[in-house]
C-alpha atoms as a PDB file:
ATOM      1  CA  MET A   1     -14.067  26.909   5.233  1.00  0.00           C
ATOM      2  CA  GLN A   2     -10.537  25.800   5.920  1.00  0.00           C
ATOM      3  CA  LYS A   3      -8.503  24.361   3.059  1.00  0.00           C
ATOM      4  CA  LEU A   4      -6.974  20.912   3.573  1.00  0.00           C
ATOM      5  CA  PRO A   5      -3.235  20.493   3.081  1.00  0.00           C
ATOM      6  CA  ASN A   6      -2.195  18.652  -0.084  1.00  0.00           C
ATOM      7  CA  GLU A   7      -0.743  15.770   1.975  1.00  0.00           C
ATOM      8  CA  THR A   8      -4.129  15.244   3.630  1.00  0.00           C
ATOM      9  CA  ILE A   9      -5.924  15.224   0.289  1.00  0.00           C
ATOM     10  CA  ALA A  10      -3.415  12.709  -1.090  1.00  0.00           C
ATOM     11  CA  GLN A  11      -3.922  10.502   1.985  1.00  0.00           C
ATOM     12  CA  ILE A  12      -7.709  10.601   1.513  1.00  0.00           C
ATOM     13  CA  HIS A  13      -7.274   9.573  -2.132  1.00  0.00           C
ATOM     14  CA  ARG A  14      -5.053   6.637  -1.121  1.00  0.00           C
ATOM     15  CA  ILE A  15      -7.573   5.448   1.470  1.00  0.00           C
ATOM     16  CA  TRP A  16     -10.432   5.747  -1.032  1.00  0.00           C
ATOM     17  CA  ASP A  17      -8.512   3.979  -3.819  1.00  0.00           C
ATOM     18  CA  ARG A  18      -7.639   1.086  -1.472  1.00  0.00           C
ATOM     19  CA  ALA A  19     -11.272   0.805  -0.369  1.00  0.00           C
ATOM     20  CA  VAL A  20     -12.466   0.725  -3.986  1.00  0.00           C
ATOM     21  CA  GLY A  21      -9.940  -2.014  -4.715  1.00  0.00           C
ATOM     22  CA  LYS A  22     -11.044  -4.104  -1.728  1.00  0.00           C
ATOM     23  CA  VAL A  23     -14.693  -3.920  -2.765  1.00  0.00           C
ATOM     24  CA  ILE A  24     -13.991  -4.785  -6.394  1.00  0.00           C
ATOM     25  CA  SER A  25     -11.717  -7.684  -5.415  1.00  0.00           C
ATOM     26  CA  ALA A  26     -14.187  -9.140  -2.904  1.00  0.00           C
ATOM     27  CA  GLU A  27     -17.176  -8.888  -5.245  1.00  0.00           C
ATOM     28  CA  ARG A  28     -15.245 -10.211  -8.243  1.00  0.00           C
ATOM     29  CA  ARG A  29     -13.976 -13.204  -6.284  1.00  0.00           C
ATOM     30  CA  GLY A  30     -17.447 -13.856  -4.882  1.00  0.00           C
ATOM     31  CA  LEU A  31     -18.774 -14.059  -8.428  1.00  0.00           C
ATOM     32  CA  LYS A  32     -15.806 -16.219  -9.490  1.00  0.00           C
ATOM     33  CA  ILE A  33     -14.786 -13.743 -12.199  1.00  0.00           C
ATOM     34  CA  SER A  34     -11.080 -13.637 -13.028  1.00  0.00           C
ATOM     35  CA  GLN A  35      -9.154 -10.386 -13.259  1.00  0.00           C
ATOM     36  CA  GLU A  36      -8.663 -11.115 -16.935  1.00  0.00           C
ATOM     37  CA  GLU A  37     -12.422 -11.521 -17.528  1.00  0.00           C
ATOM     38  CA  LEU A  38     -13.255  -8.316 -15.663  1.00  0.00           C
ATOM     39  CA  GLY A  39     -10.570  -6.471 -17.614  1.00  0.00           C
ATOM     40  CA  LYS A  40     -12.021  -7.675 -20.916  1.00  0.00           C
ATOM     41  CA  TYR A  41     -15.555  -6.677 -19.886  1.00  0.00           C
ATOM     42  CA  MET A  42     -14.237  -3.206 -19.038  1.00  0.00           C
ATOM     43  CA  GLY A  43     -12.338  -2.926 -22.329  1.00  0.00           C
ATOM     44  CA  TRP A  44      -8.927  -2.746 -20.671  1.00  0.00           C
ATOM     45  CA  GLN A  45      -5.856  -4.177 -22.361  1.00  0.00           C
ATOM     46  CA  ASN A  46      -5.109  -6.877 -19.779  1.00  0.00           C
ATOM     47  CA  ARG A  47      -5.610  -8.023 -16.195  1.00  0.00           C
ATOM     48  CA  SER A  48      -2.843  -5.778 -14.852  1.00  0.00           C
ATOM     49  CA  THR A  49      -5.260  -2.838 -14.802  1.00  0.00           C
ATOM     50  CA  VAL A  50      -7.647  -4.805 -12.572  1.00  0.00           C
ATOM     51  CA  SER A  51      -4.736  -5.882 -10.378  1.00  0.00           C
ATOM     52  CA  ARG A  52      -3.549  -2.274  -9.986  1.00  0.00           C
ATOM     53  CA  ILE A  53      -7.084  -1.135  -9.110  1.00  0.00           C
ATOM     54  CA  GLU A  54      -7.529  -3.910  -6.551  1.00  0.00           C
ATOM     55  CA  ARG A  55      -4.220  -2.953  -4.906  1.00  0.00           C
ATOM     56  CA  GLY A  56      -5.239   0.707  -4.762  1.00  0.00           C
ATOM     57  CA  ILE A  57      -2.531   1.812  -7.199  1.00  0.00           C
ATOM     58  CA  ARG A  58      -4.791   2.892 -10.068  1.00  0.00           C
ATOM     59  CA  PRO A  59      -7.840   5.016  -9.244  1.00  0.00           C
ATOM     60  CA  VAL A  60     -11.198   4.130 -10.769  1.00  0.00           C
ATOM     61  CA  ALA A  61     -12.715   6.898 -12.879  1.00  0.00           C
ATOM     62  CA  ILE A  62     -16.195   8.085 -11.895  1.00  0.00           C
ATOM     63  CA  ARG A  63     -17.505   6.981 -15.292  1.00  0.00           C
ATOM     64  CA  GLU A  64     -16.246   3.427 -14.598  1.00  0.00           C
ATOM     65  CA  ILE A  65     -18.164   2.997 -11.312  1.00  0.00           C
ATOM     66  CA  PRO A  66     -21.611   2.307 -12.867  1.00  0.00           C
ATOM     67  CA  ILE A  67     -20.124  -0.184 -15.324  1.00  0.00           C
ATOM     68  CA  LEU A  68     -18.179  -2.007 -12.606  1.00  0.00           C
ATOM     69  CA  ALA A  69     -21.221  -2.038 -10.323  1.00  0.00           C
ATOM     70  CA  ARG A  70     -23.359  -3.599 -13.047  1.00  0.00           C
ATOM     71  CA  LEU A  71     -20.694  -6.219 -13.846  1.00  0.00           C
ATOM     72  CA  LEU A  72     -20.422  -7.072 -10.148  1.00  0.00           C
ATOM     73  CA  ASN A  73     -24.214  -7.391  -9.730  1.00  0.00           C
ATOM     74  CA  MET A  74     -24.455  -4.293  -7.546  1.00  0.00           C
ATOM     75  CA  THR A  75     -26.227  -0.986  -7.799  1.00  0.00           C
ATOM     76  CA  VAL A  76     -24.074   2.135  -7.790  1.00  0.00           C
ATOM     77  CA  THR A  77     -25.507   2.949  -4.360  1.00  0.00           C
ATOM     78  CA  GLN A  78     -24.590  -0.480  -2.984  1.00  0.00           C
ATOM     79  CA  MET A  79     -21.099  -0.173  -4.384  1.00  0.00           C
ATOM     80  CA  THR A  80     -20.436   3.338  -3.089  1.00  0.00           C
ATOM     81  CA  ASP A  81     -21.926   2.452   0.317  1.00  0.00           C
ATOM     82  CA  GLU A  82     -19.580  -0.531   0.583  1.00  0.00           C
ATOM     83  CA  ILE A  83     -16.617   1.580  -0.549  1.00  0.00           C
ATOM     84  CA  TYR A  84     -17.498   4.139   2.133  1.00  0.00           C
ATOM     85  CA  ARG A  85     -17.720   1.385   4.778  1.00  0.00           C
ATOM     86  CA  GLN A  86     -14.307   0.071   3.761  1.00  0.00           C
ATOM     87  CA  ALA A  87     -12.758   3.545   3.690  1.00  0.00           C
ATOM     88  CA  THR A  88     -14.059   4.470   7.139  1.00  0.00           C
ATOM     89  CA  ALA A  89     -13.546   1.092   8.854  1.00  0.00           C
ATOM     90  CA  ARG A  90     -11.198   1.118  11.780  1.00  0.00           C
ATOM     91  CA  PRO A  91      -8.116  -1.048  11.387  1.00  0.00           C
ATOM     92  CA  ARG A  92      -8.368  -4.341  13.235  1.00  0.00           C
ATOM     93  CA  GLU A  93      -6.163  -4.801  16.241  1.00  0.00           C
ATOM     94  CA  VAL A  94      -3.556  -7.525  15.971  1.00  0.00           C
ATOM     95  CA  LYS A  95      -3.873 -10.093  18.746  1.00  0.00           C
ATOM     96  CA  LYS A  96      -0.663 -11.233  20.380  1.00  0.00           C
END
């Protein structure tokens, strides 16, 4: 098996982190939960952690996925499936 270059691995992490953030943001907004409320439920200091996650800056720890899924009324499978869909979606073409 061929080893991936470090730049490729870093790019995969960025894509995944952005996809996680998109899913969390969309589900949170759909449930009308503020970033501050979600942060409190997760035991984080303030809403900036949620903001950084939603922007793909801060990765979500594996242990946080089940808690976030439950708070967002999703199963872990639903959440990871949606993250995968977001991560593998083709960028939309911009119409001129």
